[in-house]
Amino acid sequence: MELTATSTSRTPARDADGMAVASFVLGLIGILALNIVLGPTAIALAAVALWRGTQRRGRALLGLGLGVADLAVLVVAMQLDHTVSWSF
């Protein structure tokens, strides 16, 4: 029995769907923790997912918005604490 390349590899659309979900999850987590890392990562994953034509366009757009919100929260918190990081 011979396996073909299509049966063992992931399709670009499926990868894009995974990136859309990952950007949403990372953006959501980034609101509370590690927003300096997770925000840009969520933005990048959402942009790539949208560029590849994901079926989960809404989830990718939410990930993009949450990534931007992560960075906005970081900027506001930095301004309030007058430091590069923030704490509770």
Protein backbone atom coordinates (compact mmCIF):
# COMPACT_ATOMS: atom_id res chain seq x y z
CA MET A 1 0.00 0.00 0.00
CA GLU A 2 1.49 3.30 -1.12
CA LEU A 3 0.74 6.63 0.55
CA THR A 4 0.45 9.65 -1.65
CA ALA A 5 1.78 13.09 -0.78
CA THR A 6 -1.73 14.50 -0.44
CA SER A 7 -2.78 11.96 2.16
CA THR A 8 0.17 12.64 4.46
CA SER A 9 0.56 16.41 4.19
CA ARG A 10 -1.55 19.20 5.59
CA THR A 11 -3.41 21.44 3.20
CA PRO A 12 -2.69 25.20 3.19
CA ALA A 13 -6.34 25.99 4.00
CA ARG A 14 -6.24 23.73 7.06
CA ASP A 15 -2.98 25.35 8.18
CA ALA A 16 -4.57 28.77 7.74
CA ASP A 17 -7.56 27.71 9.84
CA GLY A 18 -5.20 26.56 12.60
CA MET A 19 -3.36 29.87 12.45
CA ALA A 20 -6.64 31.76 12.76
CA VAL A 21 -7.60 29.83 15.88
CA ALA A 22 -4.09 30.17 17.33
CA SER A 23 -4.11 33.94 16.78
CA PHE A 24 -7.44 34.21 18.59
CA VAL A 25 -6.26 32.13 21.54
CA LEU A 26 -2.90 33.92 21.83
CA GLY A 27 -4.58 37.31 21.57
CA LEU A 28 -7.04 36.35 24.30
CA ILE A 29 -4.32 35.09 26.64
CA GLY A 30 -2.15 38.09 25.81
CA ILE A 31 -4.65 40.51 27.33
CA LEU A 32 -3.64 39.24 30.78
CA ALA A 33 -0.11 37.89 30.42
CA LEU A 34 2.94 38.28 28.18
CA ASN A 35 1.23 40.81 25.94
CA ILE A 36 4.56 42.10 24.63
CA VAL A 37 5.16 38.67 23.03
CA LEU A 38 1.66 37.30 22.43
CA GLY A 39 0.24 40.49 20.89
CA PRO A 40 2.62 40.67 17.92
CA THR A 41 2.46 36.89 17.52
CA ALA A 42 -1.35 37.00 17.33
CA ILE A 43 -1.17 39.83 14.78
CA ALA A 44 1.32 37.94 12.61
CA LEU A 45 -0.64 34.67 12.71
CA ALA A 46 -3.90 36.44 11.89
CA ALA A 47 -2.32 38.28 8.96
CA VAL A 48 -0.87 35.07 7.52
CA ALA A 49 -4.16 33.21 8.01
CA LEU A 50 -6.08 35.97 6.23
CA TRP A 51 -3.50 36.09 3.44
CA ARG A 52 -3.78 32.31 2.92
CA GLY A 53 -7.57 32.51 2.75
CA THR A 54 -8.74 30.87 5.95
CA GLN A 55 -12.28 29.57 6.28
CA ARG A 56 -12.33 31.02 9.80
CA ARG A 57 -12.05 34.66 8.74
CA GLY A 58 -13.97 35.96 11.76
CA ARG A 59 -11.69 34.16 14.17
CA ALA A 60 -8.62 35.56 12.38
CA LEU A 61 -10.05 39.09 12.55
CA LEU A 62 -10.76 38.63 16.26
CA GLY A 63 -7.17 37.45 16.74
CA LEU A 64 -5.94 40.51 14.88
CA GLY A 65 -8.07 42.82 17.02
CA LEU A 66 -7.03 41.12 20.24
CA GLY A 67 -3.36 41.34 19.24
CA VAL A 68 -3.73 45.08 18.74
CA ALA A 69 -5.61 45.31 22.04
CA ASP A 70 -2.73 43.45 23.75
CA LEU A 71 -0.30 46.12 22.61
CA ALA A 72 -2.71 48.91 23.59
CA VAL A 73 -3.07 47.44 27.09
CA LEU A 74 0.71 47.24 27.34
CA VAL A 75 1.16 50.88 26.30
CA VAL A 76 -1.49 52.10 28.77
CA ALA A 77 -0.05 50.01 31.60
CA MET A 78 3.47 51.24 30.83
CA GLN A 79 2.28 54.83 30.93
CA LEU A 80 0.53 54.32 34.27
CA ASP A 81 3.52 52.56 35.88
CA HIS A 82 6.24 54.63 34.13
CA THR A 83 8.14 51.40 33.41
CA VAL A 84 8.72 49.08 30.48
CA SER A 85 6.72 46.31 32.18
CA TRP A 86 3.62 46.30 34.31
CA SER A 87 2.36 44.47 37.36
CA PHE A 88 -0.82 44.31 39.40
